[in-house]
Each structure stands twice: as structure tokens, then as C-alpha cells.
Amino acid sequence: MKHSLECMGYGIRLRPVESTDAEFILRLRNLPHVSGTVGDTVPDAGAQRQWIQSSWDRPGDYYLLIETEQGMPIGTVGIYNVLNGVGEWGRWILLPGTTVALASAILTLDIAFYQLSLTEVCGCVVKTNSRIVSFHHKFGLRQTRIEQCARVIDGKWIDLVWFAMDAADWLSVRRQLHPLAEAGARAFSTGHLA
């Protein structure tokens, strides 16, 4: 969906993805640490541009670029399949070595709950992606189910672990996460890599 959602904090900014971001997104989705953990990727930058432009026509689909305050792209995230006050959080990929995963997750849920006024955010993680499954647990999301043989990625059937967060719980969870996100932002701004 063509939108103007933005959020800044912790030394980063989330802003709408533009078609000019296609080359970066294609490179990001093809990094080794991403392989097998996100849906299959289009083959070239032209196809990625077309995919971005088609997302603008999908109601309830908010695709965001994560960038430094200076405008350097470092990742993507999306809130999509928004219906009846519930949205799905995904397309969340960061360049390796950044320390702003927590910060980008906080800003994403700030957009979901404070700008889109959602009542619940849900999302799924490839079950074998144990690092990100663990992150979701530590972030305060509740695991709702495991969906077996849910999707084909790289020609293989994969299981998905589903998580959710209610708007009513977000403020207290956010307060607990804020100091950790600030520490990650300080490390990121001084060039230390995680």
C-alpha cells in the first residue's frame, strides 16, 4: 500500500520503501544469513521494483526501509495482511553486524499500535531459525502455534512458529525493552558490531 508511515528513534528511521530501494532489497534478501529464512526472492532488480510497486496496490500492506539517521539503508520490515485491527509483522531483515534489531522491532510495533491503531500484531518465523525464534520469545511475544509444512522456501517444506503481541501489553513490554534498545543504538552509533 502506498503510504507515508515513518518512525525515528535509537539512531534509525523506518520509512516507506520506494522503487529506488530495489537493488538494496534484492542484495539484502540474497545474503547468506537470510537463505532459507524468508520467502523466495525475485531474480533481479527489475522484478524487485515491480514487486515493490505491486505492493502499493495491496490494501493493508506497509513495506518499510530501515536506515540510519544519515539515510544509509540497513534493512527492511513490513506490516501486512492488515484486517480487522490485526496485522502481520514480517519481511524483517537486517544487514549482519548491526546492533539495532531490537530498536527496529520496537519502532515497527510503535507504528503498528500507535500509527495504525492495530489491536494485535502477529508474525511467523521459520522454525529452524532458532536465533530469531529466541529473539521473539525474549522480545515478549507469545508463541501461539507451530504450523507444520506451512510454506515452501528454497524448494523445501518448512515449519513456521507463530507469535503475537496485543496492543494492551505493548506499553509495559516497550518500557522493559527500551534500555536495551538504547544500549544497542549507542553501540551502533559508535561503530561497534554485535
C-alpha atoms as a PDB file:
ATOM      1  CA  MET A   1       0.000   0.000   0.000  1.00  0.00           C
ATOM      2  CA  LYS A   2       1.385   3.414  -0.888  1.00  0.00           C
ATOM      3  CA  HIS A   3       1.781   5.081   2.494  1.00  0.00           C
ATOM      4  CA  SER A   4       3.672   7.763   4.392  1.00  0.00           C
ATOM      5  CA  LEU A   5       4.345   5.964   7.688  1.00  0.00           C
ATOM      6  CA  GLU A   6       7.630   6.897   9.358  1.00  0.00           C
ATOM      7  CA  CYS A   7       9.153   6.433  12.773  1.00  0.00           C
ATOM      8  CA  MET A   8      12.513   7.540  14.183  1.00  0.00           C
ATOM      9  CA  GLY A   9      14.402   6.554  17.279  1.00  0.00           C
ATOM     10  CA  TYR A  10      17.516   4.824  18.573  1.00  0.00           C
ATOM     11  CA  GLY A  11      19.596   6.294  15.735  1.00  0.00           C
ATOM     12  CA  ILE A  12      17.489   4.753  12.959  1.00  0.00           C
ATOM     13  CA  ARG A  13      14.475   5.621  10.873  1.00  0.00           C
ATOM     14  CA  LEU A  14      11.745   3.497   9.306  1.00  0.00           C
ATOM     15  CA  ARG A  15      10.315   4.996   6.138  1.00  0.00           C
ATOM     16  CA  PRO A  16       8.238   3.800   3.175  1.00  0.00           C
ATOM     17  CA  VAL A  17      10.078   1.598   0.681  1.00  0.00           C
ATOM     18  CA  GLU A  18      10.483   3.246  -2.724  1.00  0.00           C
ATOM     19  CA  SER A  19      11.159   1.559  -6.059  1.00  0.00           C
ATOM     20  CA  THR A  20      14.691   3.027  -5.939  1.00  0.00           C
ATOM     21  CA  ASP A  21      15.365   0.707  -2.954  1.00  0.00           C
ATOM     22  CA  ALA A  22      15.025  -2.383  -5.166  1.00  0.00           C
ATOM     23  CA  GLU A  23      18.758  -3.062  -5.637  1.00  0.00           C
ATOM     24  CA  PHE A  24      19.453  -2.842  -1.908  1.00  0.00           C
ATOM     25  CA  ILE A  25      16.481  -5.078  -1.038  1.00  0.00           C
ATOM     26  CA  LEU A  26      17.485  -7.692  -3.616  1.00  0.00           C
ATOM     27  CA  ARG A  27      21.054  -7.760  -2.256  1.00  0.00           C
ATOM     28  CA  LEU A  28      19.756  -7.922   1.342  1.00  0.00           C
ATOM     29  CA  ARG A  29      17.396 -10.832   0.613  1.00  0.00           C
ATOM     30  CA  ASN A  30      20.219 -12.790  -1.006  1.00  0.00           C
ATOM     31  CA  LEU A  31      22.723 -12.515   1.855  1.00  0.00           C
ATOM     32  CA  PRO A  32      23.913 -15.887   3.217  1.00  0.00           C
ATOM     33  CA  HIS A  33      22.356 -15.391   6.680  1.00  0.00           C
ATOM     34  CA  VAL A  34      18.939 -14.875   5.057  1.00  0.00           C
ATOM     35  CA  SER A  35      18.933 -18.023   2.915  1.00  0.00           C
ATOM     36  CA  GLY A  36      16.103 -20.369   3.853  1.00  0.00           C
ATOM     37  CA  THR A  37      14.583 -17.989   6.404  1.00  0.00           C
ATOM     38  CA  VAL A  38      12.445 -15.736   4.198  1.00  0.00           C
ATOM     39  CA  GLY A  39      10.232 -16.439   1.235  1.00  0.00           C
ATOM     40  CA  ASP A  40      11.770 -16.941  -2.175  1.00  0.00           C
ATOM     41  CA  THR A  41      13.133 -13.776  -3.776  1.00  0.00           C
ATOM     42  CA  VAL A  42      12.592 -12.400  -7.264  1.00  0.00           C
ATOM     43  CA  PRO A  43      15.574 -12.925  -9.620  1.00  0.00           C
ATOM     44  CA  ASP A  44      16.633  -9.348 -10.453  1.00  0.00           C
ATOM     45  CA  ALA A  45      16.290  -5.679  -9.504  1.00  0.00           C
ATOM     46  CA  GLY A  46      13.691  -5.028 -12.202  1.00  0.00           C
ATOM     47  CA  ALA A  47      11.448  -7.752 -10.831  1.00  0.00           C
ATOM     48  CA  GLN A  48      12.053  -6.431  -7.297  1.00  0.00           C
ATOM     49  CA  ARG A  49      10.966  -2.948  -8.432  1.00  0.00           C
ATOM     50  CA  GLN A  50       7.794  -4.449  -9.915  1.00  0.00           C
ATOM     51  CA  TRP A  51       7.126  -6.359  -6.673  1.00  0.00           C
ATOM     52  CA  ILE A  52       7.532  -3.138  -4.649  1.00  0.00           C
ATOM     53  CA  GLN A  53       5.190  -1.258  -6.969  1.00  0.00           C
ATOM     54  CA  SER A  54       2.596  -4.048  -6.821  1.00  0.00           C
ATOM     55  CA  SER A  55       2.720  -3.901  -3.006  1.00  0.00           C
ATOM     56  CA  TRP A  56       1.483  -0.308  -3.252  1.00  0.00           C
ATOM     57  CA  ASP A  57      -1.796  -1.645  -4.673  1.00  0.00           C
ATOM     58  CA  ARG A  58      -2.354  -4.143  -1.840  1.00  0.00           C
ATOM     59  CA  PRO A  59      -4.553  -2.712   0.913  1.00  0.00           C
ATOM     60  CA  GLY A  60      -3.125  -3.260   4.376  1.00  0.00           C
ATOM     61  CA  ASP A  61       0.456  -3.787   3.151  1.00  0.00           C
ATOM     62  CA  TYR A  62       3.041  -1.400   4.625  1.00  0.00           C
ATOM     63  CA  TYR A  63       6.602  -2.091   3.476  1.00  0.00           C
ATOM     64  CA  LEU A  64       9.336  -0.100   5.255  1.00  0.00           C
ATOM     65  CA  LEU A  65      13.036   0.501   4.801  1.00  0.00           C
ATOM     66  CA  ILE A  66      15.209   0.637   7.925  1.00  0.00           C
ATOM     67  CA  GLU A  67      18.003   3.184   7.570  1.00  0.00           C
ATOM     68  CA  THR A  68      20.470   5.156   9.647  1.00  0.00           C
ATOM     69  CA  GLU A  69      19.689   8.769  10.521  1.00  0.00           C
ATOM     70  CA  GLN A  70      22.084   9.656   7.694  1.00  0.00           C
ATOM     71  CA  GLY A  71      19.973   7.692   5.188  1.00  0.00           C
ATOM     72  CA  MET A  72      22.122   4.559   4.785  1.00  0.00           C
ATOM     73  CA  PRO A  73      19.842   1.531   4.258  1.00  0.00           C
ATOM     74  CA  ILE A  74      20.399  -1.291   6.742  1.00  0.00           C
ATOM     75  CA  GLY A  75      17.254  -3.405   6.486  1.00  0.00           C
ATOM     76  CA  THR A  76      13.572  -3.870   5.774  1.00  0.00           C
ATOM     77  CA  VAL A  77      10.429  -4.683   7.700  1.00  0.00           C
ATOM     78  CA  GLY A  78       6.763  -4.913   6.846  1.00  0.00           C
ATOM     79  CA  ILE A  79       3.354  -4.829   8.424  1.00  0.00           C
ATOM     80  CA  TYR A  80       0.911  -6.521   6.085  1.00  0.00           C
ATOM     81  CA  ASN A  81      -2.270  -8.568   5.801  1.00  0.00           C
ATOM     82  CA  VAL A  82      -3.893  -5.901   7.979  1.00  0.00           C
ATOM     83  CA  LEU A  83      -7.522  -6.783   8.565  1.00  0.00           C
ATOM     84  CA  ASN A  84      -9.975  -6.056  11.392  1.00  0.00           C
ATOM     85  CA  GLY A  85      -7.337  -4.480  13.632  1.00  0.00           C
ATOM     86  CA  VAL A  86      -4.771  -7.289  13.261  1.00  0.00           C
ATOM     87  CA  GLY A  87      -1.606  -7.090  11.183  1.00  0.00           C
ATOM     88  CA  GLU A  88       1.268  -9.400  10.395  1.00  0.00           C
ATOM     89  CA  TRP A  89       4.865  -8.343  11.102  1.00  0.00           C
ATOM     90  CA  GLY A  90       7.491  -9.739   8.741  1.00  0.00           C
ATOM     91  CA  ARG A  91       9.921  -9.083   5.875  1.00  0.00           C
ATOM     92  CA  TRP A  92      12.264  -8.178   8.726  1.00  0.00           C
ATOM     93  CA  ILE A  93      15.850  -8.431   7.525  1.00  0.00           C
ATOM     94  CA  LEU A  94      18.906  -6.508   8.725  1.00  0.00           C
ATOM     95  CA  LEU A  95      22.438  -6.304   7.444  1.00  0.00           C
ATOM     96  CA  PRO A  96      24.707  -8.529   9.538  1.00  0.00           C
ATOM     97  CA  GLY A  97      26.651  -6.795  12.291  1.00  0.00           C
ATOM     98  CA  THR A  98      24.081  -4.169  13.178  1.00  0.00           C
ATOM     99  CA  THR A  99      23.037  -3.783  16.816  1.00  0.00           C
ATOM    100  CA  VAL A 100      19.631  -2.266  16.097  1.00  0.00           C
ATOM    101  CA  ALA A 101      17.460  -5.373  15.713  1.00  0.00           C
ATOM    102  CA  LEU A 102      15.691  -4.614  18.986  1.00  0.00           C
ATOM    103  CA  ALA A 103      15.309  -0.931  18.087  1.00  0.00           C
ATOM    104  CA  SER A 104      13.850  -1.720  14.663  1.00  0.00           C
ATOM    105  CA  ALA A 105      11.401  -4.187  16.226  1.00  0.00           C
ATOM    106  CA  ILE A 106      10.280  -1.591  18.780  1.00  0.00           C
ATOM    107  CA  LEU A 107       9.745   1.053  16.097  1.00  0.00           C
ATOM    108  CA  THR A 108       7.821  -1.452  13.973  1.00  0.00           C
ATOM    109  CA  LEU A 109       5.393  -2.178  16.806  1.00  0.00           C
ATOM    110  CA  ASP A 110       5.154   1.546  17.589  1.00  0.00           C
ATOM    111  CA  ILE A 111       3.926   2.046  14.018  1.00  0.00           C
ATOM    112  CA  ALA A 112       1.558  -0.910  14.292  1.00  0.00           C
ATOM    113  CA  PHE A 113      -0.026   0.127  17.573  1.00  0.00           C
ATOM    114  CA  TYR A 114       0.301   3.926  17.601  1.00  0.00           C
ATOM    115  CA  GLN A 115       0.033   4.907  13.933  1.00  0.00           C
ATOM    116  CA  LEU A 116      -2.101   2.093  12.505  1.00  0.00           C
ATOM    117  CA  SER A 117      -4.039   1.590  15.774  1.00  0.00           C
ATOM    118  CA  LEU A 118      -3.874  -2.195  15.488  1.00  0.00           C
ATOM    119  CA  THR A 119      -5.133  -4.270  18.405  1.00  0.00           C
ATOM    120  CA  GLU A 120      -2.786  -7.194  17.695  1.00  0.00           C
ATOM    121  CA  VAL A 121       0.360  -7.905  15.724  1.00  0.00           C
ATOM    122  CA  CYS A 122       1.262 -11.448  14.757  1.00  0.00           C
ATOM    123  CA  GLY A 123       4.063 -12.953  12.740  1.00  0.00           C
ATOM    124  CA  CYS A 124       5.876 -16.143  11.939  1.00  0.00           C
ATOM    125  CA  VAL A 125       9.454 -17.353  11.933  1.00  0.00           C
ATOM    126  CA  VAL A 126      10.961 -20.360  10.193  1.00  0.00           C
ATOM    127  CA  LYS A 127      11.214 -22.959  12.973  1.00  0.00           C
ATOM    128  CA  THR A 128      14.862 -23.793  12.226  1.00  0.00           C
ATOM    129  CA  ASN A 129      15.827 -20.105  12.563  1.00  0.00           C
ATOM    130  CA  SER A 130      16.476 -20.639  16.276  1.00  0.00           C
ATOM    131  CA  ARG A 131      18.188 -17.276  16.814  1.00  0.00           C
ATOM    132  CA  ILE A 132      15.146 -15.324  15.625  1.00  0.00           C
ATOM    133  CA  VAL A 133      12.685 -17.654  17.365  1.00  0.00           C
ATOM    134  CA  SER A 134      14.616 -16.951  20.587  1.00  0.00           C
ATOM    135  CA  PHE A 135      14.573 -13.198  19.871  1.00  0.00           C
ATOM    136  CA  HIS A 136      10.772 -13.247  19.562  1.00  0.00           C
ATOM    137  CA  HIS A 137      10.431 -15.048  22.900  1.00  0.00           C
ATOM    138  CA  LYS A 138      12.797 -12.597  24.643  1.00  0.00           C
ATOM    139  CA  PHE A 139      11.055  -9.653  22.966  1.00  0.00           C
ATOM    140  CA  GLY A 140       7.889 -10.553  24.856  1.00  0.00           C
ATOM    141  CA  LEU A 141       5.793 -12.003  22.068  1.00  0.00           C
ATOM    142  CA  ARG A 142       3.677 -15.007  22.965  1.00  0.00           C
ATOM    143  CA  GLN A 143       4.010 -18.135  20.866  1.00  0.00           C
ATOM    144  CA  THR A 144       0.586 -19.067  19.517  1.00  0.00           C
ATOM    145  CA  ARG A 145       1.248 -22.162  17.397  1.00  0.00           C
ATOM    146  CA  ILE A 146       3.604 -24.163  15.191  1.00  0.00           C
ATOM    147  CA  GLU A 147       2.374 -24.636  11.647  1.00  0.00           C
ATOM    148  CA  GLN A 148       3.945 -27.752  10.118  1.00  0.00           C
ATOM    149  CA  CYS A 149       4.855 -27.868   6.431  1.00  0.00           C
ATOM    150  CA  ALA A 150       3.469 -24.368   6.121  1.00  0.00           C
ATOM    151  CA  ARG A 151       5.468 -22.976   3.214  1.00  0.00           C
ATOM    152  CA  VAL A 152       7.996 -23.915   0.573  1.00  0.00           C
ATOM    153  CA  ILE A 153      11.302 -21.992   0.729  1.00  0.00           C
ATOM    154  CA  ASP A 154      14.241 -22.962  -1.476  1.00  0.00           C
ATOM    155  CA  GLY A 155      12.212 -25.938  -2.685  1.00  0.00           C
ATOM    156  CA  LYS A 156      11.724 -27.382   0.827  1.00  0.00           C
ATOM    157  CA  TRP A 157       8.676 -27.532   3.064  1.00  0.00           C
ATOM    158  CA  ILE A 158       9.315 -25.618   6.287  1.00  0.00           C
ATOM    159  CA  ASP A 159       7.547 -25.322   9.647  1.00  0.00           C
ATOM    160  CA  LEU A 160       6.595 -21.889  10.983  1.00  0.00           C
ATOM    161  CA  VAL A 161       6.436 -20.713  14.591  1.00  0.00           C
ATOM    162  CA  TRP A 162       3.709 -18.083  15.068  1.00  0.00           C
ATOM    163  CA  PHE A 163       3.889 -15.272  17.629  1.00  0.00           C
ATOM    164  CA  ALA A 164       1.573 -12.432  18.686  1.00  0.00           C
ATOM    165  CA  MET A 165       1.503  -9.265  20.796  1.00  0.00           C
ATOM    166  CA  ASP A 166      -1.609  -7.389  21.950  1.00  0.00           C
ATOM    167  CA  ALA A 167      -1.747  -3.602  21.940  1.00  0.00           C
ATOM    168  CA  ALA A 168      -2.800  -3.716  25.613  1.00  0.00           C
ATOM    169  CA  ASP A 169       0.528  -5.352  26.529  1.00  0.00           C
ATOM    170  CA  TRP A 170       2.778  -3.229  24.327  1.00  0.00           C
ATOM    171  CA  LEU A 171       3.452  -0.250  26.609  1.00  0.00           C
ATOM    172  CA  SER A 172       4.716  -2.365  29.518  1.00  0.00           C
ATOM    173  CA  VAL A 173       6.792  -4.589  27.206  1.00  0.00           C
ATOM    174  CA  ARG A 174       8.212  -1.488  25.482  1.00  0.00           C
ATOM    175  CA  ARG A 175       9.269   0.025  28.821  1.00  0.00           C
ATOM    176  CA  GLN A 176      11.266  -3.110  29.641  1.00  0.00           C
ATOM    177  CA  LEU A 177      12.944  -3.221  26.215  1.00  0.00           C
ATOM    178  CA  HIS A 178      13.761   0.491  25.925  1.00  0.00           C
ATOM    179  CA  PRO A 179      17.062   0.470  27.918  1.00  0.00           C
ATOM    180  CA  LEU A 180      18.369  -2.477  25.887  1.00  0.00           C
ATOM    181  CA  ALA A 181      17.446  -0.759  22.615  1.00  0.00           C
ATOM    182  CA  GLU A 182      19.245   2.387  23.751  1.00  0.00           C
ATOM    183  CA  ALA A 183      22.390   0.362  24.507  1.00  0.00           C
ATOM    184  CA  GLY A 184      22.227  -1.227  21.058  1.00  0.00           C
ATOM    185  CA  ALA A 185      21.797   2.189  19.469  1.00  0.00           C
ATOM    186  CA  ARG A 186      24.858   3.537  21.313  1.00  0.00           C
ATOM    187  CA  ALA A 187      26.941   0.592  20.121  1.00  0.00           C
ATOM    188  CA  PHE A 188      25.666   1.081  16.569  1.00  0.00           C
ATOM    189  CA  SER A 189      26.430   4.821  16.557  1.00  0.00           C
ATOM    190  CA  THR A 190      29.997   4.231  17.750  1.00  0.00           C
ATOM    191  CA  GLY A 191      30.617   1.570  15.117  1.00  0.00           C
ATOM    192  CA  HIS A 192      30.746  -1.480  17.349  1.00  0.00           C
ATOM    193  CA  LEU A 193      29.282  -4.554  15.729  1.00  0.00           C
ATOM    194  CA  ALA A 194      27.305  -7.247  17.501  1.00  0.00           C
END
